[in-house]
Amino acid sequence: EEARADVHDMRAASDAVMVGIGTVLRDDPRLTARN
């Protein structure tokens, strides 16, 4: 959980978050910063 929170900090500090279509089809992520 601590590592995932760190990633959310990285998302908030980034202009864009990028994934491939495989990740969307497999995980259906929100890709938002939830910190």
Full PDB file with SEQRES, HELIX, SHEET, SSBOND, CRYST1, ORIGX, SCALE, CONECT and MASTER records, all heavy atoms in Angstrom:
SEQRES   1 A   35  GLU GLU ALA ARG ALA ASP VAL HIS ASP MET ARG ALA ALA          
SEQRES   2 A   35  SER ASP ALA VAL MET VAL GLY ILE GLY THR VAL LEU ARG          
SEQRES   3 A   35  ASP ASP PRO ARG LEU THR ALA ARG ASN                          
HELIX    1 AA1 GLU A    2  ALA A   12  1                                  11    
HELIX    2 AA2 ILE A   21  ASP A   27  1                                   7    
CRYST1    1.000    1.000    1.000  90.00  90.00  90.00 P 1           1          
ORIGX1      1.000000  0.000000  0.000000        0.00000                         
ORIGX2      0.000000  1.000000  0.000000        0.00000                         
ORIGX3      0.000000  0.000000  1.000000        0.00000                         
SCALE1      1.000000  0.000000  0.000000        0.00000                         
SCALE2      0.000000  1.000000  0.000000        0.00000                         
SCALE3      0.000000  0.000000  1.000000        0.00000                         
ATOM      1  N   GLU A   1       0.834  -1.208   0.000  1.00  0.00           N  
ATOM      2  CA  GLU A   1       0.000   0.000   0.000  1.00  0.00           C  
ATOM      3  C   GLU A   1       0.867   1.256   0.000  1.00  0.00           C  
ATOM      4  O   GLU A   1       0.533   2.242  -0.662  1.00  0.00           O  
ATOM      5  CB  GLU A   1      -0.908  -0.014   1.225  1.00  0.00           C  
ATOM      6  CG  GLU A   1      -1.880   1.153   1.289  1.00  0.00           C  
ATOM      7  CD  GLU A   1      -2.819   1.054   2.469  1.00  0.00           C  
ATOM      8  OE1 GLU A   1      -2.970  -0.052   3.023  1.00  0.00           O  
ATOM      9  OE2 GLU A   1      -3.407   2.087   2.848  1.00  0.00           O  
ATOM     10  N   GLU A   2       2.001   1.206   0.704  1.00  0.00           N  
ATOM     11  CA  GLU A   2       2.899   2.357   0.735  1.00  0.00           C  
ATOM     12  C   GLU A   2       3.477   2.649  -0.646  1.00  0.00           C  
ATOM     13  O   GLU A   2       3.580   3.807  -1.055  1.00  0.00           O  
ATOM     14  CB  GLU A   2       4.042   2.118   1.727  1.00  0.00           C  
ATOM     15  CG  GLU A   2       3.614   2.085   3.175  1.00  0.00           C  
ATOM     16  CD  GLU A   2       3.298   0.675   3.650  1.00  0.00           C  
ATOM     17  OE1 GLU A   2       2.939  -0.184   2.805  1.00  0.00           O  
ATOM     18  OE2 GLU A   2       3.406   0.429   4.861  1.00  0.00           O  
ATOM     19  N   ALA A   3       3.845   1.614  -1.387  1.00  0.00           N  
ATOM     20  CA  ALA A   3       4.391   1.804  -2.731  1.00  0.00           C  
ATOM     21  C   ALA A   3       3.324   2.341  -3.667  1.00  0.00           C  
ATOM     22  O   ALA A   3       3.592   3.218  -4.498  1.00  0.00           O  
ATOM     23  CB  ALA A   3       4.949   0.488  -3.266  1.00  0.00           C  
ATOM     24  N   ARG A   4       2.105   1.845  -3.523  1.00  0.00           N  
ATOM     25  CA  ARG A   4       1.030   2.330  -4.385  1.00  0.00           C  
ATOM     26  C   ARG A   4       0.705   3.797  -4.082  1.00  0.00           C  
ATOM     27  O   ARG A   4       0.394   4.577  -4.994  1.00  0.00           O  
ATOM     28  CB  ARG A   4      -0.213   1.451  -4.232  1.00  0.00           C  
ATOM     29  CG  ARG A   4       0.031   0.007  -4.664  1.00  0.00           C  
ATOM     30  CD  ARG A   4      -1.255  -0.752  -4.894  1.00  0.00           C  
ATOM     31  NE  ARG A   4      -2.079  -0.865  -3.714  1.00  0.00           N  
ATOM     32  CZ  ARG A   4      -1.935  -1.799  -2.771  1.00  0.00           C  
ATOM     33  NH1 ARG A   4      -0.954  -2.674  -2.855  1.00  0.00           N  
ATOM     34  NH2 ARG A   4      -2.756  -1.850  -1.726  1.00  0.00           N  
ATOM     35  N   ALA A   5       0.798   4.189  -2.827  1.00  0.00           N  
ATOM     36  CA  ALA A   5       0.593   5.599  -2.474  1.00  0.00           C  
ATOM     37  C   ALA A   5       1.688   6.462  -3.084  1.00  0.00           C  
ATOM     38  O   ALA A   5       1.434   7.588  -3.532  1.00  0.00           O  
ATOM     39  CB  ALA A   5       0.566   5.756  -0.953  1.00  0.00           C  
ATOM     40  N   ASP A   6       2.909   5.943  -3.114  1.00  0.00           N  
ATOM     41  CA  ASP A   6       4.013   6.677  -3.723  1.00  0.00           C  
ATOM     42  C   ASP A   6       3.763   6.883  -5.216  1.00  0.00           C  
ATOM     43  O   ASP A   6       4.067   7.956  -5.769  1.00  0.00           O  
ATOM     44  CB  ASP A   6       5.315   5.905  -3.501  1.00  0.00           C  
ATOM     45  CG  ASP A   6       6.549   6.738  -3.801  1.00  0.00           C  
ATOM     46  OD1 ASP A   6       6.699   7.808  -3.194  1.00  0.00           O  
ATOM     47  OD2 ASP A   6       7.363   6.322  -4.652  1.00  0.00           O  
ATOM     48  N   VAL A   7       3.191   5.882  -5.861  1.00  0.00           N  
ATOM     49  CA  VAL A   7       2.865   6.002  -7.286  1.00  0.00           C  
ATOM     50  C   VAL A   7       1.793   7.061  -7.503  1.00  0.00           C  
ATOM     51  O   VAL A   7       1.848   7.826  -8.478  1.00  0.00           O  
ATOM     52  CB  VAL A   7       2.408   4.645  -7.853  1.00  0.00           C  
ATOM     53  CG1 VAL A   7       1.861   4.810  -9.275  1.00  0.00           C  
ATOM     54  CG2 VAL A   7       3.565   3.652  -7.847  1.00  0.00           C  
ATOM     55  N   HIS A   8       0.833   7.143  -6.609  1.00  0.00           N  
ATOM     56  CA  HIS A   8      -0.203   8.175  -6.741  1.00  0.00           C  
ATOM     57  C   HIS A   8       0.408   9.570  -6.614  1.00  0.00           C  
ATOM     58  O   HIS A   8      -0.034  10.508  -7.285  1.00  0.00           O  
ATOM     59  CB  HIS A   8      -1.304   7.966  -5.707  1.00  0.00           C  
ATOM     60  CG  HIS A   8      -2.265   6.883  -6.079  1.00  0.00           C  
ATOM     61  ND1 HIS A   8      -3.212   7.034  -7.057  1.00  0.00           N  
ATOM     62  CD2 HIS A   8      -2.409   5.616  -5.619  1.00  0.00           C  
ATOM     63  CE1 HIS A   8      -3.921   5.920  -7.178  1.00  0.00           C  
ATOM     64  NE2 HIS A   8      -3.451   5.035  -6.313  1.00  0.00           N  
ATOM     65  N   ASP A   9       1.433   9.716  -5.775  1.00  0.00           N  
ATOM     66  CA  ASP A   9       2.152  10.994  -5.706  1.00  0.00           C  
ATOM     67  C   ASP A   9       2.836  11.291  -7.038  1.00  0.00           C  
ATOM     68  O   ASP A   9       2.839  12.443  -7.498  1.00  0.00           O  
ATOM     69  CB  ASP A   9       3.194  10.958  -4.585  1.00  0.00           C  
ATOM     70  CG  ASP A   9       2.573  11.015  -3.193  1.00  0.00           C  
ATOM     71  OD1 ASP A   9       1.413  11.471  -3.075  1.00  0.00           O  
ATOM     72  OD2 ASP A   9       3.247  10.600  -2.228  1.00  0.00           O  
ATOM     73  N   MET A  10       3.419  10.272  -7.656  1.00  0.00           N  
ATOM     74  CA  MET A  10       4.052  10.452  -8.956  1.00  0.00           C  
ATOM     75  C   MET A  10       3.025  10.847 -10.011  1.00  0.00           C  
ATOM     76  O   MET A  10       3.292  11.688 -10.871  1.00  0.00           O  
ATOM     77  CB  MET A  10       4.781   9.167  -9.384  1.00  0.00           C  
ATOM     78  CG  MET A  10       5.986   8.818  -8.529  1.00  0.00           C  
ATOM     79  SD  MET A  10       6.729   7.233  -8.999  1.00  0.00           S  
ATOM     80  CE  MET A  10       7.318   7.603 -10.653  1.00  0.00           C  
ATOM     81  N   ARG A  11       1.849  10.247  -9.956  1.00  0.00           N  
ATOM     82  CA  ARG A  11       0.792  10.621 -10.906  1.00  0.00           C  
ATOM     83  C   ARG A  11       0.404  12.087 -10.750  1.00  0.00           C  
ATOM     84  O   ARG A  11       0.266  12.818 -11.732  1.00  0.00           O  
ATOM     85  CB  ARG A  11      -0.450   9.749 -10.683  1.00  0.00           C  
ATOM     86  CG  ARG A  11      -0.335   8.315 -11.155  1.00  0.00           C  
ATOM     87  CD  ARG A  11      -1.641   7.571 -10.916  1.00  0.00           C  
ATOM     88  NE  ARG A  11      -1.562   6.176 -11.324  1.00  0.00           N  
ATOM     89  CZ  ARG A  11      -2.570   5.309 -11.206  1.00  0.00           C  
ATOM     90  NH1 ARG A  11      -3.709   5.695 -10.652  1.00  0.00           N  
ATOM     91  NH2 ARG A  11      -2.403   4.059 -11.607  1.00  0.00           N  
ATOM     92  N   ALA A  12       0.221  12.504  -9.503  1.00  0.00           N  
ATOM     93  CA  ALA A  12      -0.207  13.884  -9.250  1.00  0.00           C  
ATOM     94  C   ALA A  12       0.825  14.886  -9.738  1.00  0.00           C  
ATOM     95  O   ALA A  12       0.476  16.016 -10.094  1.00  0.00           O  
ATOM     96  CB  ALA A  12      -0.473  14.085  -7.759  1.00  0.00           C  
ATOM     97  N   ALA A  13       2.101  14.476  -9.751  1.00  0.00           N  
ATOM     98  CA  ALA A  13       3.163  15.378 -10.183  1.00  0.00           C  
ATOM     99  C   ALA A  13       3.417  15.299 -11.687  1.00  0.00           C  
ATOM    100  O   ALA A  13       4.255  16.042 -12.201  1.00  0.00           O  
ATOM    101  CB  ALA A  13       4.454  15.057  -9.432  1.00  0.00           C  
ATOM    102  N   SER A  14       2.696  14.433 -12.399  1.00  0.00           N  
ATOM    103  CA  SER A  14       2.902  14.248 -13.835  1.00  0.00           C  
ATOM    104  C   SER A  14       1.787  14.917 -14.629  1.00  0.00           C  
ATOM    105  O   SER A  14       0.640  14.973 -14.180  1.00  0.00           O  
ATOM    106  CB  SER A  14       2.948  12.752 -14.185  1.00  0.00           C  
ATOM    107  OG  SER A  14       3.984  12.093 -13.485  1.00  0.00           O  
ATOM    108  N   ASP A  15       2.123  15.380 -15.820  1.00  0.00           N  
ATOM    109  CA  ASP A  15       1.098  15.951 -16.696  1.00  0.00           C  
ATOM    110  C   ASP A  15       0.215  14.871 -17.299  1.00  0.00           C  
ATOM    111  O   ASP A  15      -0.955  15.101 -17.582  1.00  0.00           O  
ATOM    112  CB  ASP A  15       1.747  16.751 -17.833  1.00  0.00           C  
ATOM    113  CG  ASP A  15       2.371  18.044 -17.351  1.00  0.00           C  
ATOM    114  OD1 ASP A  15       2.049  18.488 -16.236  1.00  0.00           O  
ATOM    115  OD2 ASP A  15       3.185  18.614 -18.094  1.00  0.00           O  
ATOM    116  N   ALA A  16       0.790  13.685 -17.521  1.00  0.00           N  
ATOM    117  CA  ALA A  16       0.039  12.606 -18.159  1.00  0.00           C  
ATOM    118  C   ALA A  16       0.458  11.265 -17.591  1.00  0.00           C  
ATOM    119  O   ALA A  16       1.607  11.069 -17.188  1.00  0.00           O  
ATOM    120  CB  ALA A  16       0.261  12.624 -19.670  1.00  0.00           C  
ATOM    121  N   VAL A  17      -0.493  10.325 -17.553  1.00  0.00           N  
ATOM    122  CA  VAL A  17      -0.232   8.931 -17.201  1.00  0.00           C  
ATOM    123  C   VAL A  17      -0.592   8.085 -18.414  1.00  0.00           C  
ATOM    124  O   VAL A  17      -1.683   8.241 -18.980  1.00  0.00           O  
ATOM    125  CB  VAL A  17      -1.058   8.489 -15.977  1.00  0.00           C  
ATOM    126  CG1 VAL A  17      -0.877   7.000 -15.724  1.00  0.00           C  
ATOM    127  CG2 VAL A  17      -0.664   9.282 -14.756  1.00  0.00           C  
ATOM    128  N   MET A  18       0.315   7.208 -18.822  1.00  0.00           N  
ATOM    129  CA  MET A  18       0.133   6.458 -20.064  1.00  0.00           C  
ATOM    130  C   MET A  18       0.155   4.960 -19.823  1.00  0.00           C  
ATOM    131  O   MET A  18       1.003   4.457 -19.084  1.00  0.00           O  
ATOM    132  CB  MET A  18       1.233   6.839 -21.062  1.00  0.00           C  
ATOM    133  CG  MET A  18       1.075   6.201 -22.429  1.00  0.00           C  
ATOM    134  SD  MET A  18       2.354   6.774 -23.585  1.00  0.00           S  
ATOM    135  CE  MET A  18       3.749   5.763 -23.065  1.00  0.00           C  
ATOM    136  N   VAL A  19      -0.784   4.251 -20.470  1.00  0.00           N  
ATOM    137  CA  VAL A  19      -0.805   2.792 -20.456  1.00  0.00           C  
ATOM    138  C   VAL A  19      -1.119   2.300 -21.861  1.00  0.00           C  
ATOM    139  O   VAL A  19      -1.555   3.068 -22.726  1.00  0.00           O  
ATOM    140  CB  VAL A  19      -1.847   2.220 -19.470  1.00  0.00           C  
ATOM    141  CG1 VAL A  19      -1.544   2.627 -18.046  1.00  0.00           C  
ATOM    142  CG2 VAL A  19      -3.259   2.647 -19.870  1.00  0.00           C  
ATOM    143  N   GLY A  20      -0.924   1.004 -22.064  1.00  0.00           N  
ATOM    144  CA  GLY A  20      -1.299   0.390 -23.329  1.00  0.00           C  
ATOM    145  C   GLY A  20      -2.706  -0.167 -23.272  1.00  0.00           C  
ATOM    146  O   GLY A  20      -3.296  -0.310 -22.191  1.00  0.00           O  
ATOM    147  N   ILE A  21      -3.234  -0.514 -24.417  1.00  0.00           N  
ATOM    148  CA  ILE A  21      -4.592  -1.040 -24.479  1.00  0.00           C  
ATOM    149  C   ILE A  21      -4.716  -2.344 -23.710  1.00  0.00           C  
ATOM    150  O   ILE A  21      -5.771  -2.644 -23.133  1.00  0.00           O  
ATOM    151  CB  ILE A  21      -5.035  -1.229 -25.955  1.00  0.00           C  
ATOM    152  CG1 ILE A  21      -6.476  -1.761 -26.046  1.00  0.00           C  
ATOM    153  CG2 ILE A  21      -4.074  -2.142 -26.699  1.00  0.00           C  
ATOM    154  CD1 ILE A  21      -7.509  -0.851 -25.394  1.00  0.00           C  
ATOM    155  N   GLY A  22      -3.631  -3.127 -23.639  1.00  0.00           N  
ATOM    156  CA  GLY A  22      -3.673  -4.382 -22.895  1.00  0.00           C  
ATOM    157  C   GLY A  22      -4.011  -4.155 -21.434  1.00  0.00           C  
ATOM    158  O   GLY A  22      -4.790  -4.902 -20.835  1.00  0.00           O  
ATOM    159  N   THR A  23      -3.438  -3.120 -20.836  1.00  0.00           N  
ATOM    160  CA  THR A  23      -3.720  -2.799 -19.440  1.00  0.00           C  
ATOM    161  C   THR A  23      -5.167  -2.371 -19.261  1.00  0.00           C  
ATOM    162  O   THR A  23      -5.826  -2.747 -18.282  1.00  0.00           O  
ATOM    163  CB  THR A  23      -2.773  -1.683 -18.951  1.00  0.00           C  
ATOM    164  OG1 THR A  23      -1.429  -2.141 -19.014  1.00  0.00           O  
ATOM    165  CG2 THR A  23      -3.104  -1.271 -17.525  1.00  0.00           C  
ATOM    166  N   VAL A  24      -5.690  -1.604 -20.206  1.00  0.00           N  
ATOM    167  CA  VAL A  24      -7.092  -1.172 -20.129  1.00  0.00           C  
ATOM    168  C   VAL A  24      -8.032  -2.376 -20.219  1.00  0.00           C  
ATOM    169  O   VAL A  24      -8.981  -2.503 -19.437  1.00  0.00           O  
ATOM    170  CB  VAL A  24      -7.402  -0.154 -21.242  1.00  0.00           C  
ATOM    171  CG1 VAL A  24      -8.901   0.157 -21.293  1.00  0.00           C  
ATOM    172  CG2 VAL A  24      -6.609   1.131 -21.024  1.00  0.00           C  
ATOM    173  N   LEU A  25      -7.760  -3.269 -21.151  1.00  0.00           N  
ATOM    174  CA  LEU A  25      -8.633  -4.435 -21.333  1.00  0.00           C  
ATOM    175  C   LEU A  25      -8.544  -5.395 -20.149  1.00  0.00           C  
ATOM    176  O   LEU A  25      -9.545  -6.003 -19.761  1.00  0.00           O  
ATOM    177  CB  LEU A  25      -8.260  -5.165 -22.627  1.00  0.00           C  
ATOM    178  CG  LEU A  25      -8.497  -4.394 -23.930  1.00  0.00           C  
ATOM    179  CD1 LEU A  25      -7.971  -5.189 -25.119  1.00  0.00           C  
ATOM    180  CD2 LEU A  25      -9.980  -4.066 -24.110  1.00  0.00           C  
ATOM    181  N   ARG A  26      -7.356  -5.522 -19.581  1.00  0.00           N  
ATOM    182  CA  ARG A  26      -7.152  -6.496 -18.499  1.00  0.00           C  
ATOM    183  C   ARG A  26      -7.585  -5.954 -17.137  1.00  0.00           C  
ATOM    184  O   ARG A  26      -8.249  -6.642 -16.363  1.00  0.00           O  
ATOM    185  CB  ARG A  26      -5.681  -6.902 -18.454  1.00  0.00           C  
ATOM    186  CG  ARG A  26      -5.344  -7.952 -17.402  1.00  0.00           C  
ATOM    187  CD  ARG A  26      -3.862  -8.284 -17.402  1.00  0.00           C  
ATOM    188  NE  ARG A  26      -3.029  -7.124 -17.085  1.00  0.00           N  
ATOM    189  CZ  ARG A  26      -2.276  -6.480 -17.967  1.00  0.00           C  
ATOM    190  NH1 ARG A  26      -2.259  -6.864 -19.238  1.00  0.00           N  
ATOM    191  NH2 ARG A  26      -1.548  -5.439 -17.594  1.00  0.00           N  
ATOM    192  N   ASP A  27      -7.198  -4.707 -16.828  1.00  0.00           N  
ATOM    193  CA  ASP A  27      -7.396  -4.179 -15.470  1.00  0.00           C  
ATOM    194  C   ASP A  27      -8.473  -3.108 -15.350  1.00  0.00           C  
ATOM    195  O   ASP A  27      -8.909  -2.812 -14.235  1.00  0.00           O  
ATOM    196  CB  ASP A  27      -6.083  -3.593 -14.951  1.00  0.00           C  
ATOM    197  CG  ASP A  27      -4.971  -4.629 -14.871  1.00  0.00           C  
ATOM    198  OD1 ASP A  27      -5.283  -5.828 -14.735  1.00  0.00           O  
ATOM    199  OD2 ASP A  27      -3.783  -4.239 -14.962  1.00  0.00           O  
ATOM    200  N   ASP A  28      -8.851  -2.487 -16.465  1.00  0.00           N  
ATOM    201  CA  ASP A  28      -9.812  -1.382 -16.457  1.00  0.00           C  
ATOM    202  C   ASP A  28      -9.461  -0.344 -15.393  1.00  0.00           C  
ATOM    203  O   ASP A  28     -10.264  -0.039 -14.497  1.00  0.00           O  
ATOM    204  CB  ASP A  28     -11.233  -1.896 -16.230  1.00  0.00           C  
ATOM    205  CG  ASP A  28     -12.289  -0.827 -16.491  1.00  0.00           C  
ATOM    206  OD1 ASP A  28     -11.983   0.150 -17.225  1.00  0.00           O  
ATOM    207  OD2 ASP A  28     -13.418  -0.955 -15.977  1.00  0.00           O  
ATOM    208  N   PRO A  29      -8.255   0.242 -15.456  1.00  0.00           N  
ATOM    209  CA  PRO A  29      -7.815   1.182 -14.421  1.00  0.00           C  
ATOM    210  C   PRO A  29      -8.438   2.560 -14.580  1.00  0.00           C  
ATOM    211  O   PRO A  29      -8.843   2.966 -15.671  1.00  0.00           O  
ATOM    212  CB  PRO A  29      -6.305   1.252 -14.655  1.00  0.00           C  
ATOM    213  CG  PRO A  29      -6.170   1.067 -16.133  1.00  0.00           C  
ATOM    214  CD  PRO A  29      -7.239   0.085 -16.520  1.00  0.00           C  
ATOM    215  N   ARG A  30      -8.477   3.319 -13.469  1.00  0.00           N  
ATOM    216  CA  ARG A  30      -8.947   4.709 -13.518  1.00  0.00           C  
ATOM    217  C   ARG A  30      -7.823   5.656 -13.909  1.00  0.00           C  
ATOM    218  O   ARG A  30      -8.063   6.708 -14.491  1.00  0.00           O  
ATOM    219  CB  ARG A  30      -9.509   5.107 -12.154  1.00  0.00           C  
ATOM    220  CG  ARG A  30     -10.809   4.428 -11.804  1.00  0.00           C  
ATOM    221  CD  ARG A  30     -11.132   4.562 -10.327  1.00  0.00           C  
ATOM    222  NE  ARG A  30     -11.253   5.958  -9.901  1.00  0.00           N  
ATOM    223  CZ  ARG A  30     -11.366   6.334  -8.633  1.00  0.00           C  
ATOM    224  NH1 ARG A  30     -11.361   5.420  -7.673  1.00  0.00           N  
ATOM    225  NH2 ARG A  30     -11.480   7.599  -8.327  1.00  0.00           N  
ATOM    226  N   LEU A  31      -6.599   5.319 -13.499  1.00  0.00           N  
ATOM    227  CA  LEU A  31      -5.410   6.119 -13.807  1.00  0.00           C  
ATOM    228  C   LEU A  31      -5.486   7.536 -13.250  1.00  0.00           C  
ATOM    229  O   LEU A  31      -4.980   8.486 -13.851  1.00  0.00           O  
ATOM    230  CB  LEU A  31      -5.156   6.171 -15.322  1.00  0.00           C  
ATOM    231  CG  LEU A  31      -4.918   4.826 -16.009  1.00  0.00           C  
ATOM    232  CD1 LEU A  31      -4.669   5.054 -17.493  1.00  0.00           C  
ATOM    233  CD2 LEU A  31      -3.758   4.083 -15.372  1.00  0.00           C  
ATOM    234  N   THR A  32      -6.098   7.678 -12.096  1.00  0.00           N  
ATOM    235  CA  THR A  32      -6.189   8.988 -11.447  1.00  0.00           C  
ATOM    236  C   THR A  32      -5.264   9.027 -10.234  1.00  0.00           C  
ATOM    237  O   THR A  32      -4.846   7.988  -9.713  1.00  0.00           O  
ATOM    238  CB  THR A  32      -7.626   9.272 -10.988  1.00  0.00           C  
ATOM    239  OG1 THR A  32      -8.094   8.174 -10.193  1.00  0.00           O  
ATOM    240  CG2 THR A  32      -8.550   9.460 -12.186  1.00  0.00           C  
ATOM    241  N   ALA A  33      -4.948  10.229  -9.800  1.00  0.00           N  
ATOM    242  CA  ALA A  33      -4.147  10.418  -8.585  1.00  0.00           C  
ATOM    243  C   ALA A  33      -5.098  10.466  -7.402  1.00  0.00           C  
ATOM    244  O   ALA A  33      -5.902  11.389  -7.280  1.00  0.00           O  
ATOM    245  CB  ALA A  33      -3.342  11.708  -8.680  1.00  0.00           C  
ATOM    246  N   ARG A  34      -5.006   9.467  -6.548  1.00  0.00           N  
ATOM    247  CA  ARG A  34      -5.962   9.372  -5.438  1.00  0.00           C  
ATOM    248  C   ARG A  34      -5.272   9.537  -4.085  1.00  0.00           C  
ATOM    249  O   ARG A  34      -5.721   9.000  -3.073  1.00  0.00           O  
ATOM    250  CB  ARG A  34      -6.705   8.031  -5.511  1.00  0.00           C  
ATOM    251  CG  ARG A  34      -7.532   7.904  -6.785  1.00  0.00           C  
ATOM    252  CD  ARG A  34      -8.419   6.686  -6.802  1.00  0.00           C  
ATOM    253  NE  ARG A  34      -7.705   5.435  -6.911  1.00  0.00           N  
ATOM    254  CZ  ARG A  34      -7.243   4.932  -8.053  1.00  0.00           C  
ATOM    255  NH1 ARG A  34      -7.391   5.607  -9.189  1.00  0.00           N  
ATOM    256  NH2 ARG A  34      -6.621   3.765  -8.075  1.00  0.00           N  
ATOM    257  N   ASN A  35      -4.177  10.298  -4.077  1.00  0.00           N  
ATOM    258  CA  ASN A  35      -3.510  10.601  -2.813  1.00  0.00           C  
ATOM    259  C   ASN A  35      -4.184  11.786  -2.140  1.00  0.00           C  
ATOM    260  O   ASN A  35      -4.679  12.690  -2.816  1.00  0.00           O  
ATOM    261  CB  ASN A  35      -2.028  10.897  -3.051  1.00  0.00           C  
ATOM    262  CG  ASN A  35      -1.824  11.960  -4.114  1.00  0.00           C  
ATOM    263  OD1 ASN A  35      -2.659  12.138  -4.989  1.00  0.00           O  
ATOM    264  ND2 ASN A  35      -0.728  12.672  -4.044  1.00  0.00           N  
TER     265      ASN A  35                                                      
MASTER        0    0    0    2    0    0    0    6  264    1    0    3          
END                                                                             
